[in-house]
Amino acid sequence: MSVQLIKHKFTVDEYGKMAEMGVLKEGDRVELIRGEIIEMSPIGTRHAACVRRLNLLFSEKLGKRALCDTQNPIQLGNNSQPQPDVTLLQPRDDFYATQHPQPADIFLVVEVADTTLEGDRSIKIPLYAEHDITEVWLVNLPENCLEVYRQPTPTGYQIVSKFYPGDTLSLQTFPDISINVNQILS
């Protein structure tokens, strides 16, 4: 006789209540992806340095045109609340005090990947495409390159480009801002 296991998929509201009740604690490194609570990998020094570089780079280049957010939740529908490494957001006077940023608030999502590369490519990037995040960058530390995903569809991104040290690119939303990949990977 075979036994069918039944999984319970959590909603964003249930996930939030677990945090309020102390089931999930402040220091827990977890995120909600498609209704499942996923434990996040520890952050290595190279990963952390890259996130810091991106934060400084975007803050300097964009000033008050965008809010540079690091490792904070965004809400994608009713069952996903990932925590991208960097998110460029529409500026708001309340700094999103009343709700986590939604897809319409997001200019760019950046994931920095070393040990999480395949999971980011196969799980998170398709999730961002499904929720119409217009541009996603994947900083691929093992291959020392930047993967750029644009033109989302429900089945993935139509345009995927790779940039290497020495290459220059612009943000889709801010084409006047030029970034050399060395500024991210150095």
Protein backbone atom coordinates (compact mmCIF):
# COMPACT_ATOMS: atom_id res chain seq x y z
CA MET A 1 0.00 0.00 0.00
CA SER A 2 1.36 3.43 -0.93
CA VAL A 3 0.91 6.39 1.36
CA GLN A 4 0.36 9.83 -0.12
CA LEU A 5 1.98 12.60 1.91
CA ILE A 6 0.06 15.84 2.06
CA LYS A 7 2.06 19.05 2.20
CA HIS A 8 0.65 22.21 3.72
CA LYS A 9 1.46 25.29 1.65
CA PHE A 10 1.66 28.46 3.72
CA THR A 11 0.30 31.84 2.73
CA VAL A 12 2.13 35.11 3.29
CA ASP A 13 -0.33 35.88 6.11
CA GLU A 14 0.34 32.54 7.85
CA TYR A 15 4.07 33.06 7.42
CA GLY A 16 3.79 36.51 9.01
CA LYS A 17 1.77 35.12 11.92
CA MET A 18 4.43 32.48 12.55
CA ALA A 19 6.95 35.30 12.96
CA GLU A 20 4.60 37.28 15.22
CA MET A 21 4.01 34.23 17.44
CA GLY A 22 7.73 33.43 17.70
CA VAL A 23 7.58 30.19 15.69
CA LEU A 24 9.97 31.92 13.30
CA LYS A 25 12.51 33.98 15.19
CA GLU A 26 14.16 37.27 14.23
CA GLY A 27 17.47 35.65 13.33
CA ASP A 28 16.02 32.75 11.34
CA ARG A 29 17.34 32.83 7.78
CA VAL A 30 14.25 31.62 5.96
CA GLU A 31 12.07 32.80 3.11
CA LEU A 32 8.67 31.77 1.77
CA ILE A 33 8.82 30.41 -1.78
CA ARG A 34 5.66 29.04 -3.43
CA GLY A 35 4.14 28.32 -0.02
CA GLU A 36 7.16 26.48 1.36
CA ILE A 37 9.45 27.81 4.06
CA ILE A 38 12.98 27.50 2.71
CA GLU A 39 16.10 27.78 4.83
CA MET A 40 18.60 30.18 3.28
CA SER A 41 22.28 29.32 2.94
CA PRO A 42 24.84 31.01 5.18
CA ILE A 43 26.40 34.13 3.67
CA GLY A 44 30.09 33.81 2.84
CA THR A 45 32.54 36.70 2.83
CA ARG A 46 32.74 37.07 -0.97
CA HIS A 47 28.94 37.08 -1.19
CA ALA A 48 28.63 39.68 1.59
CA ALA A 49 31.30 41.90 0.02
CA CYS A 50 29.48 41.79 -3.33
CA VAL A 51 26.18 42.83 -1.70
CA ARG A 52 27.95 45.71 0.04
CA ARG A 53 29.56 46.81 -3.25
CA LEU A 54 26.18 46.74 -5.02
CA ASN A 55 24.54 48.72 -2.22
CA LEU A 56 27.19 51.44 -2.37
CA LEU A 57 27.29 51.45 -6.18
CA PHE A 58 23.52 51.82 -6.61
CA SER A 59 23.22 54.35 -3.80
CA GLU A 60 25.96 56.53 -5.32
CA LYS A 61 24.76 56.27 -8.92
CA LEU A 62 21.02 56.56 -8.32
CA GLY A 63 20.83 58.80 -5.26
CA LYS A 64 17.17 59.40 -4.43
CA ARG A 65 15.89 58.07 -7.77
CA ALA A 66 15.63 54.58 -6.25
CA LEU A 67 15.73 53.03 -2.81
CA CYS A 68 18.46 50.39 -2.59
CA ASP A 69 17.26 47.64 -0.27
CA THR A 70 19.43 44.73 0.86
CA GLN A 71 18.29 41.30 2.01
CA ASN A 72 14.75 42.35 2.89
CA PRO A 73 11.47 40.69 1.86
CA ILE A 74 9.43 41.44 -1.20
CA GLN A 75 5.93 40.04 -1.63
CA LEU A 76 5.07 38.06 -4.74
CA GLY A 77 1.42 37.08 -4.64
CA ASN A 78 -0.10 35.28 -1.70
CA ASN A 79 2.46 32.51 -1.25
CA SER A 80 5.96 33.92 -1.81
CA GLN A 81 8.06 36.34 0.19
CA PRO A 82 11.66 35.96 -0.99
CA GLN A 83 14.51 38.08 0.34
CA PRO A 84 16.67 39.09 -2.62
CA ASP A 85 20.20 40.20 -1.90
CA VAL A 86 19.55 43.63 -3.44
CA THR A 87 16.35 45.24 -4.64
CA LEU A 88 15.99 48.63 -6.30
CA LEU A 89 12.62 50.09 -5.33
CA GLN A 90 10.41 53.02 -6.19
CA PRO A 91 11.08 55.62 -3.49
CA ARG A 92 8.24 56.00 -0.97
CA ASP A 93 7.90 58.45 1.89
CA ASP A 94 7.04 55.67 4.35
CA PHE A 95 9.93 53.40 3.21
CA TYR A 96 7.42 50.53 2.88
CA ALA A 97 6.46 50.62 6.56
CA THR A 98 2.89 49.42 5.85
CA GLN A 99 3.65 46.55 3.46
CA HIS A 100 6.54 44.79 1.80
CA PRO A 101 7.33 45.92 -1.75
CA GLN A 102 5.18 44.38 -4.50
CA PRO A 103 6.22 43.72 -8.13
CA ALA A 104 4.99 47.15 -9.30
CA ASP A 105 7.36 48.78 -6.77
CA ILE A 106 10.46 46.97 -8.04
CA PHE A 107 12.92 48.28 -10.65
CA LEU A 108 15.52 45.52 -10.25
CA VAL A 109 16.16 42.37 -8.21
CA VAL A 110 19.72 41.13 -7.72
CA GLU A 111 20.64 37.71 -6.41
CA VAL A 112 24.27 37.02 -5.54
CA ALA A 113 25.03 33.33 -5.91
CA ASP A 114 27.91 31.15 -4.93
CA THR A 115 26.56 27.91 -3.44
CA THR A 116 22.94 28.77 -4.41
CA LEU A 117 23.52 29.25 -8.16
CA GLU A 118 21.34 26.41 -9.47
CA GLY A 119 18.53 27.09 -7.00
CA ASP A 120 18.48 30.76 -7.92
CA ARG A 121 18.34 29.89 -11.64
CA SER A 122 15.72 27.16 -11.37
CA ILE A 123 13.49 28.46 -8.56
CA LYS A 124 13.86 32.16 -7.85
CA ILE A 125 14.41 33.59 -11.34
CA PRO A 126 11.33 31.81 -12.78
CA LEU A 127 9.34 33.05 -9.76
CA TYR A 128 10.42 36.62 -10.50
CA ALA A 129 9.45 36.21 -14.17
CA GLU A 130 5.99 34.87 -13.23
CA HIS A 131 5.44 38.00 -11.14
CA ASP A 132 6.58 40.33 -13.93
CA ILE A 133 9.76 41.63 -12.30
CA THR A 134 11.13 43.51 -15.31
CA GLU A 135 14.83 42.96 -14.67
CA VAL A 136 16.82 40.48 -12.58
CA TRP A 137 20.56 40.25 -12.18
CA LEU A 138 22.27 37.08 -11.03
CA VAL A 139 25.81 37.70 -9.84
CA ASN A 140 27.39 34.36 -10.66
CA LEU A 141 30.41 34.21 -8.35
CA PRO A 142 31.66 30.75 -9.40
CA GLU A 143 31.88 31.81 -13.08
CA ASN A 144 32.82 35.43 -12.23
CA CYS A 145 30.09 36.95 -14.40
CA LEU A 146 26.79 38.79 -14.27
CA GLU A 147 23.69 37.19 -15.80
CA VAL A 148 20.98 39.69 -16.76
CA TYR A 149 17.37 38.59 -17.24
CA ARG A 150 14.87 40.89 -19.03
CA GLN A 151 11.43 40.77 -20.63
CA PRO A 152 9.54 38.47 -18.25
CA THR A 153 6.83 36.08 -19.40
CA PRO A 154 4.85 33.56 -17.34
CA THR A 155 7.31 30.88 -18.48
CA GLY A 156 10.59 32.77 -17.96
CA TYR A 157 12.66 35.64 -19.29
CA GLN A 158 12.92 36.19 -23.05
CA ILE A 159 16.31 37.90 -22.92
CA VAL A 160 19.22 36.44 -20.97
CA SER A 161 22.67 38.03 -21.33
CA LYS A 162 26.01 37.40 -19.67
CA PHE A 163 28.49 40.13 -18.82
CA TYR A 164 32.10 39.58 -17.77
CA PRO A 165 34.77 41.72 -16.08
CA GLY A 166 35.50 44.70 -18.33
CA ASP A 167 31.98 44.71 -19.84
CA THR A 168 29.65 47.64 -19.26
CA LEU A 169 25.87 47.63 -19.01
CA SER A 170 22.99 49.92 -18.10
CA LEU A 171 19.96 49.31 -15.97
CA GLN A 172 16.82 48.89 -18.05
CA THR A 173 14.88 51.43 -15.95
CA PHE A 174 17.79 53.88 -15.76
CA PRO A 175 19.54 53.69 -19.16
CA ASP A 176 21.62 56.77 -18.30
CA ILE A 177 23.39 54.81 -15.54
CA SER A 178 26.40 52.89 -16.80
CA ILE A 179 27.97 50.13 -14.70
CA ASN A 180 31.18 48.26 -15.34
CA VAL A 181 31.03 44.63 -14.21
CA ASN A 182 34.37 45.16 -12.44
CA GLN A 183 32.51 47.46 -10.02
CA ILE A 184 30.39 44.47 -8.95
CA LEU A 185 32.86 41.57 -9.08
CA SER A 186 36.17 43.16 -8.02
